[in-house]
Amino acid sequence: MTIEGTDSSKKLKNYMLFIFNNYYEHLPVRVVNVTFGKLQPKQSLQLSFFEPMKEIIKTEELDKTIEHIRSKYGYTSLLHASSLLDGGMAKYRANLLCGHRSGKDEQKLR
């Protein structure tokens, strides 16, 4: 399966869910790892014949706003509400470095 180049978190999430649902065999899942390759800096806004231009621009502006807020106030300044529930992983993972404990927790204890 080839995925078109995008920086849209919404599109990437939909691709991941599509792949997961196609291969999931209804057995317990412990871990799901996702990696992205061939990353390139964004050069322009990619319009599509299949999506309304207003929606593309609105999504682009939302993604830029989220990125700006997170760069200024930290990743955990904006999270999905589900990440705050029991079992939510975003706050925990924000303290990891390459999937491992980064030592941030130990520094707070000192």
N, C-alpha and C. Protein backbone atom coordinates (compact mmCIF):
# COMPACT_ATOMS: atom_id res chain seq x y z
N MET A 1 0.85 -1.18 0.00
CA MET A 1 0.00 0.00 0.00
C MET A 1 0.89 1.24 0.00
N THR A 2 0.61 2.16 -0.86
CA THR A 2 1.35 3.41 -0.92
C THR A 2 0.50 4.52 -0.29
N ILE A 3 1.12 5.28 0.58
CA ILE A 3 0.43 6.38 1.25
C ILE A 3 0.98 7.67 0.67
N GLU A 4 0.09 8.55 0.24
CA GLU A 4 0.53 9.84 -0.30
C GLU A 4 1.22 10.65 0.78
N GLY A 5 2.22 11.42 0.37
CA GLY A 5 2.93 12.26 1.32
C GLY A 5 2.00 13.29 1.94
N THR A 6 2.07 13.43 3.24
CA THR A 6 1.21 14.38 3.94
C THR A 6 1.81 14.72 5.30
N ASP A 7 1.44 15.87 5.82
CA ASP A 7 1.78 16.20 7.20
C ASP A 7 0.51 16.32 8.04
N SER A 8 -0.60 15.90 7.47
CA SER A 8 -1.89 15.96 8.15
C SER A 8 -2.00 14.81 9.15
N SER A 9 -2.08 15.16 10.43
CA SER A 9 -2.21 14.13 11.46
C SER A 9 -3.53 13.37 11.28
N LYS A 10 -4.55 14.04 10.81
CA LYS A 10 -5.85 13.39 10.58
C LYS A 10 -5.73 12.32 9.50
N LYS A 11 -5.06 12.65 8.38
CA LYS A 11 -4.89 11.67 7.30
C LYS A 11 -4.01 10.51 7.76
N LEU A 12 -2.93 10.82 8.49
CA LEU A 12 -2.03 9.76 8.96
C LEU A 12 -2.77 8.82 9.91
N LYS A 13 -3.59 9.38 10.80
CA LYS A 13 -4.37 8.56 11.73
C LYS A 13 -5.33 7.66 10.96
N ASN A 14 -5.99 8.20 9.94
CA ASN A 14 -6.92 7.40 9.16
C ASN A 14 -6.21 6.27 8.41
N TYR A 15 -5.02 6.55 7.87
CA TYR A 15 -4.23 5.50 7.22
C TYR A 15 -3.87 4.39 8.21
N MET A 16 -3.41 4.79 9.40
CA MET A 16 -3.02 3.80 10.41
C MET A 16 -4.20 2.95 10.84
N LEU A 17 -5.36 3.58 11.04
CA LEU A 17 -6.56 2.81 11.42
C LEU A 17 -6.99 1.87 10.30
N PHE A 18 -6.88 2.31 9.06
CA PHE A 18 -7.22 1.46 7.92
C PHE A 18 -6.33 0.22 7.89
N ILE A 19 -5.03 0.42 8.02
CA ILE A 19 -4.08 -0.71 8.01
C ILE A 19 -4.34 -1.63 9.20
N PHE A 20 -4.53 -1.05 10.39
CA PHE A 20 -4.78 -1.86 11.58
C PHE A 20 -6.04 -2.70 11.40
N ASN A 21 -7.12 -2.08 10.96
CA ASN A 21 -8.39 -2.81 10.80
C ASN A 21 -8.30 -3.90 9.73
N ASN A 22 -7.47 -3.72 8.72
CA ASN A 22 -7.31 -4.74 7.69
C ASN A 22 -6.53 -5.95 8.18
N TYR A 23 -5.60 -5.74 9.12
CA TYR A 23 -4.74 -6.84 9.56
C TYR A 23 -5.06 -7.37 10.96
N TYR A 24 -5.91 -6.68 11.71
CA TYR A 24 -6.24 -7.09 13.06
C TYR A 24 -7.03 -8.40 13.03
N GLU A 25 -6.60 -9.35 13.84
CA GLU A 25 -7.23 -10.68 13.85
C GLU A 25 -8.05 -10.92 15.11
N HIS A 26 -8.49 -9.86 15.77
CA HIS A 26 -9.36 -9.95 16.95
C HIS A 26 -8.74 -10.78 18.07
N LEU A 27 -7.45 -10.61 18.26
CA LEU A 27 -6.72 -11.21 19.37
C LEU A 27 -6.18 -10.07 20.23
N PRO A 28 -5.85 -10.35 21.50
CA PRO A 28 -5.31 -9.28 22.33
C PRO A 28 -4.05 -8.66 21.71
N VAL A 29 -3.96 -7.34 21.81
CA VAL A 29 -2.82 -6.60 21.27
C VAL A 29 -2.09 -5.94 22.42
N ARG A 30 -0.81 -6.19 22.52
CA ARG A 30 -0.02 -5.60 23.60
C ARG A 30 0.58 -4.26 23.18
N VAL A 31 1.16 -4.23 21.99
CA VAL A 31 1.84 -3.02 21.53
C VAL A 31 1.62 -2.86 20.04
N VAL A 32 1.44 -1.63 19.60
CA VAL A 32 1.40 -1.30 18.18
C VAL A 32 2.46 -0.24 17.95
N ASN A 33 3.42 -0.52 17.08
CA ASN A 33 4.47 0.43 16.76
C ASN A 33 4.24 0.99 15.37
N VAL A 34 4.46 2.28 15.22
CA VAL A 34 4.30 2.95 13.94
C VAL A 34 5.56 3.77 13.68
N THR A 35 6.10 3.64 12.48
CA THR A 35 7.24 4.47 12.09
C THR A 35 6.94 5.12 10.75
N PHE A 36 7.56 6.23 10.50
CA PHE A 36 7.41 6.94 9.23
C PHE A 36 8.79 7.12 8.63
N GLY A 37 8.87 7.01 7.32
CA GLY A 37 10.15 7.18 6.63
C GLY A 37 10.03 8.17 5.50
N LYS A 38 11.16 8.47 4.89
CA LYS A 38 11.25 9.41 3.77
C LYS A 38 10.65 10.76 4.13
N LEU A 39 10.96 11.23 5.35
CA LEU A 39 10.44 12.51 5.81
C LEU A 39 11.12 13.66 5.09
N GLN A 40 10.35 14.66 4.75
CA GLN A 40 10.86 15.84 4.05
C GLN A 40 10.21 17.08 4.64
N PRO A 41 10.91 18.20 4.59
CA PRO A 41 10.27 19.43 5.06
C PRO A 41 9.12 19.82 4.14
N LYS A 42 8.13 20.44 4.73
CA LYS A 42 6.97 20.87 3.95
C LYS A 42 7.37 22.03 3.05
N GLN A 43 6.94 21.95 1.80
CA GLN A 43 7.32 22.99 0.85
C GLN A 43 6.13 23.82 0.37
N SER A 44 4.95 23.23 0.36
CA SER A 44 3.77 23.96 -0.11
C SER A 44 2.51 23.27 0.40
N LEU A 45 1.39 23.91 0.17
CA LEU A 45 0.10 23.33 0.53
C LEU A 45 -0.40 22.49 -0.64
N GLN A 46 -0.69 21.23 -0.39
CA GLN A 46 -1.15 20.32 -1.45
C GLN A 46 -2.67 20.32 -1.49
N LEU A 47 -3.23 20.82 -2.57
CA LEU A 47 -4.67 20.80 -2.75
C LEU A 47 -5.09 19.49 -3.40
N SER A 48 -6.36 19.17 -3.29
CA SER A 48 -6.88 17.91 -3.81
C SER A 48 -8.20 18.15 -4.52
N PHE A 49 -8.43 17.40 -5.59
CA PHE A 49 -9.72 17.46 -6.29
C PHE A 49 -10.82 16.79 -5.46
N PHE A 50 -10.44 15.96 -4.50
CA PHE A 50 -11.40 15.14 -3.78
C PHE A 50 -11.80 15.72 -2.42
N GLU A 51 -11.19 16.82 -2.02
CA GLU A 51 -11.53 17.47 -0.76
C GLU A 51 -11.81 18.94 -1.03
N PRO A 52 -12.80 19.50 -0.35
CA PRO A 52 -13.07 20.93 -0.53
C PRO A 52 -11.87 21.78 -0.07
N MET A 53 -11.54 22.80 -0.85
CA MET A 53 -10.38 23.64 -0.55
C MET A 53 -10.51 24.30 0.82
N LYS A 54 -11.71 24.73 1.20
CA LYS A 54 -11.91 25.37 2.50
C LYS A 54 -11.56 24.41 3.64
N GLU A 55 -11.93 23.14 3.47
CA GLU A 55 -11.63 22.15 4.52
C GLU A 55 -10.12 21.90 4.63
N ILE A 56 -9.44 21.84 3.49
CA ILE A 56 -7.99 21.63 3.49
C ILE A 56 -7.30 22.79 4.21
N ILE A 57 -7.70 24.01 3.89
CA ILE A 57 -7.08 25.19 4.50
C ILE A 57 -7.41 25.25 5.99
N LYS A 58 -8.64 24.92 6.37
CA LYS A 58 -9.05 24.92 7.78
C LYS A 58 -8.22 23.89 8.57
N THR A 59 -8.05 22.69 8.02
CA THR A 59 -7.26 21.65 8.68
C THR A 59 -5.80 22.07 8.79
N GLU A 60 -5.27 22.68 7.74
CA GLU A 60 -3.89 23.17 7.73
C GLU A 60 -3.68 24.22 8.82
N GLU A 61 -4.60 25.15 8.94
CA GLU A 61 -4.50 26.19 9.96
C GLU A 61 -4.60 25.61 11.37
N LEU A 62 -5.48 24.63 11.55
CA LEU A 62 -5.61 23.97 12.85
C LEU A 62 -4.31 23.25 13.22
N ASP A 63 -3.74 22.51 12.28
CA ASP A 63 -2.47 21.81 12.54
C ASP A 63 -1.36 22.79 12.88
N LYS A 64 -1.29 23.92 12.18
CA LYS A 64 -0.26 24.94 12.48
C LYS A 64 -0.47 25.52 13.88
N THR A 65 -1.72 25.77 14.25
CA THR A 65 -2.02 26.32 15.57
C THR A 65 -1.63 25.35 16.67
N ILE A 66 -1.97 24.08 16.48
CA ILE A 66 -1.61 23.05 17.46
C ILE A 66 -0.09 22.95 17.58
N GLU A 67 0.61 22.95 16.46
CA GLU A 67 2.07 22.87 16.48
C GLU A 67 2.67 24.08 17.20
N HIS A 68 2.13 25.27 16.95
CA HIS A 68 2.63 26.49 17.60
C HIS A 68 2.43 26.42 19.11
N ILE A 69 1.23 26.02 19.55
CA ILE A 69 0.95 25.94 20.99
C ILE A 69 1.85 24.91 21.65
N ARG A 70 2.02 23.75 21.02
CA ARG A 70 2.86 22.70 21.61
C ARG A 70 4.33 23.11 21.64
N SER A 71 4.79 23.84 20.64
CA SER A 71 6.20 24.26 20.66
C SER A 71 6.43 25.32 21.74
N LYS A 72 5.42 26.13 22.01
CA LYS A 72 5.56 27.18 23.01
C LYS A 72 5.35 26.67 24.44
N TYR A 73 4.34 25.79 24.64
CA TYR A 73 3.96 25.37 25.98
C TYR A 73 4.24 23.89 26.28
N GLY A 74 4.76 23.15 25.31
CA GLY A 74 5.06 21.74 25.52
C GLY A 74 4.00 20.83 24.92
N TYR A 75 4.42 19.61 24.61
CA TYR A 75 3.54 18.67 23.92
C TYR A 75 2.25 18.41 24.68
N THR A 76 2.34 18.29 26.00
CA THR A 76 1.16 17.92 26.78
C THR A 76 0.22 19.10 27.04
N SER A 77 0.51 20.27 26.48
CA SER A 77 -0.40 21.41 26.65
C SER A 77 -1.70 21.20 25.88
N LEU A 78 -1.68 20.39 24.83
CA LEU A 78 -2.88 20.03 24.08
C LEU A 78 -2.91 18.52 23.89
N LEU A 79 -3.91 17.89 24.47
CA LEU A 79 -4.05 16.44 24.35
C LEU A 79 -5.50 16.11 24.03
N HIS A 80 -5.73 14.96 23.43
CA HIS A 80 -7.09 14.48 23.25
C HIS A 80 -7.63 14.12 24.63
N ALA A 81 -8.90 14.34 24.86
CA ALA A 81 -9.51 14.06 26.16
C ALA A 81 -9.31 12.61 26.56
N SER A 82 -9.30 11.69 25.60
CA SER A 82 -9.12 10.27 25.92
C SER A 82 -7.75 10.00 26.53
N SER A 83 -6.78 10.87 26.28
CA SER A 83 -5.45 10.69 26.86
C SER A 83 -5.43 10.97 28.35
N LEU A 84 -6.46 11.63 28.86
CA LEU A 84 -6.53 11.95 30.28
C LEU A 84 -7.26 10.86 31.08
N LEU A 85 -7.86 9.90 30.39
CA LEU A 85 -8.56 8.80 31.06
C LEU A 85 -7.56 7.77 31.55
N ASP A 86 -8.02 6.87 32.43
CA ASP A 86 -7.18 5.76 32.86
C ASP A 86 -6.75 4.98 31.64
N GLY A 87 -5.48 4.68 31.54
CA GLY A 87 -4.96 3.95 30.39
C GLY A 87 -4.49 4.85 29.28
N GLY A 88 -4.74 6.17 29.38
CA GLY A 88 -4.24 7.11 28.38
C GLY A 88 -2.72 7.15 28.43
N MET A 89 -2.08 7.18 27.28
CA MET A 89 -0.63 7.06 27.23
C MET A 89 0.11 8.34 26.86
N ALA A 90 -0.56 9.36 26.36
CA ALA A 90 0.13 10.54 25.83
C ALA A 90 0.99 11.24 26.88
N LYS A 91 0.45 11.45 28.08
CA LYS A 91 1.24 12.13 29.12
C LYS A 91 2.43 11.28 29.55
N TYR A 92 2.22 9.97 29.66
CA TYR A 92 3.32 9.07 30.02
C TYR A 92 4.40 9.09 28.94
N ARG A 93 3.97 8.97 27.68
CA ARG A 93 4.93 8.89 26.58
C ARG A 93 5.69 10.20 26.38
N ALA A 94 5.10 11.32 26.80
CA ALA A 94 5.78 12.61 26.68
C ALA A 94 7.04 12.66 27.53
N ASN A 95 7.10 11.83 28.56
CA ASN A 95 8.28 11.78 29.43
C ASN A 95 9.31 10.76 28.98
N LEU A 96 9.05 10.08 27.87
CA LEU A 96 9.99 9.08 27.37
C LEU A 96 10.93 9.71 26.34
N LEU A 97 12.09 9.13 26.23
CA LEU A 97 13.06 9.54 25.23
C LEU A 97 13.36 8.32 24.38
N CYS A 98 12.91 8.32 23.14
CA CYS A 98 13.08 7.18 22.23
C CYS A 98 12.48 5.90 22.82
N GLY A 99 11.35 6.04 23.52
CA GLY A 99 10.66 4.88 24.07
C GLY A 99 11.17 4.43 25.42
N HIS A 100 12.14 5.16 25.99
CA HIS A 100 12.72 4.78 27.28
C HIS A 100 12.56 5.93 28.27
N ARG A 101 12.65 5.60 29.55
CA ARG A 101 12.56 6.64 30.57
C ARG A 101 13.69 7.64 30.34
N SER A 102 13.36 8.92 30.38
CA SER A 102 14.34 9.96 30.04
C SER A 102 15.06 10.52 31.27
N GLY A 103 14.60 10.18 32.44
CA GLY A 103 15.20 10.72 33.65
C GLY A 103 14.49 11.96 34.16
N LYS A 104 13.47 12.45 33.45
CA LYS A 104 12.73 13.63 33.89
C LYS A 104 12.09 13.40 35.26
N ASP A 105 11.54 12.20 35.47
CA ASP A 105 10.87 11.90 36.74
C ASP A 105 11.87 11.91 37.89
N GLU A 106 13.07 11.38 37.66
CA GLU A 106 14.08 11.33 38.71
C GLU A 106 14.53 12.74 39.09
N GLN A 107 14.60 13.65 38.12
CA GLN A 107 15.02 15.03 38.40
C GLN A 107 13.99 15.74 39.27
N LYS A 108 12.70 15.43 39.08
CA LYS A 108 11.66 16.06 39.89
C LYS A 108 11.73 15.61 41.35
N LEU A 109 12.20 14.37 41.57
CA LEU A 109 12.25 13.82 42.91
C LEU A 109 13.41 14.42 43.71
N ARG A 110 14.41 14.95 43.06
CA ARG A 110 15.60 15.46 43.75
C ARG A 110 15.39 16.84 44.29
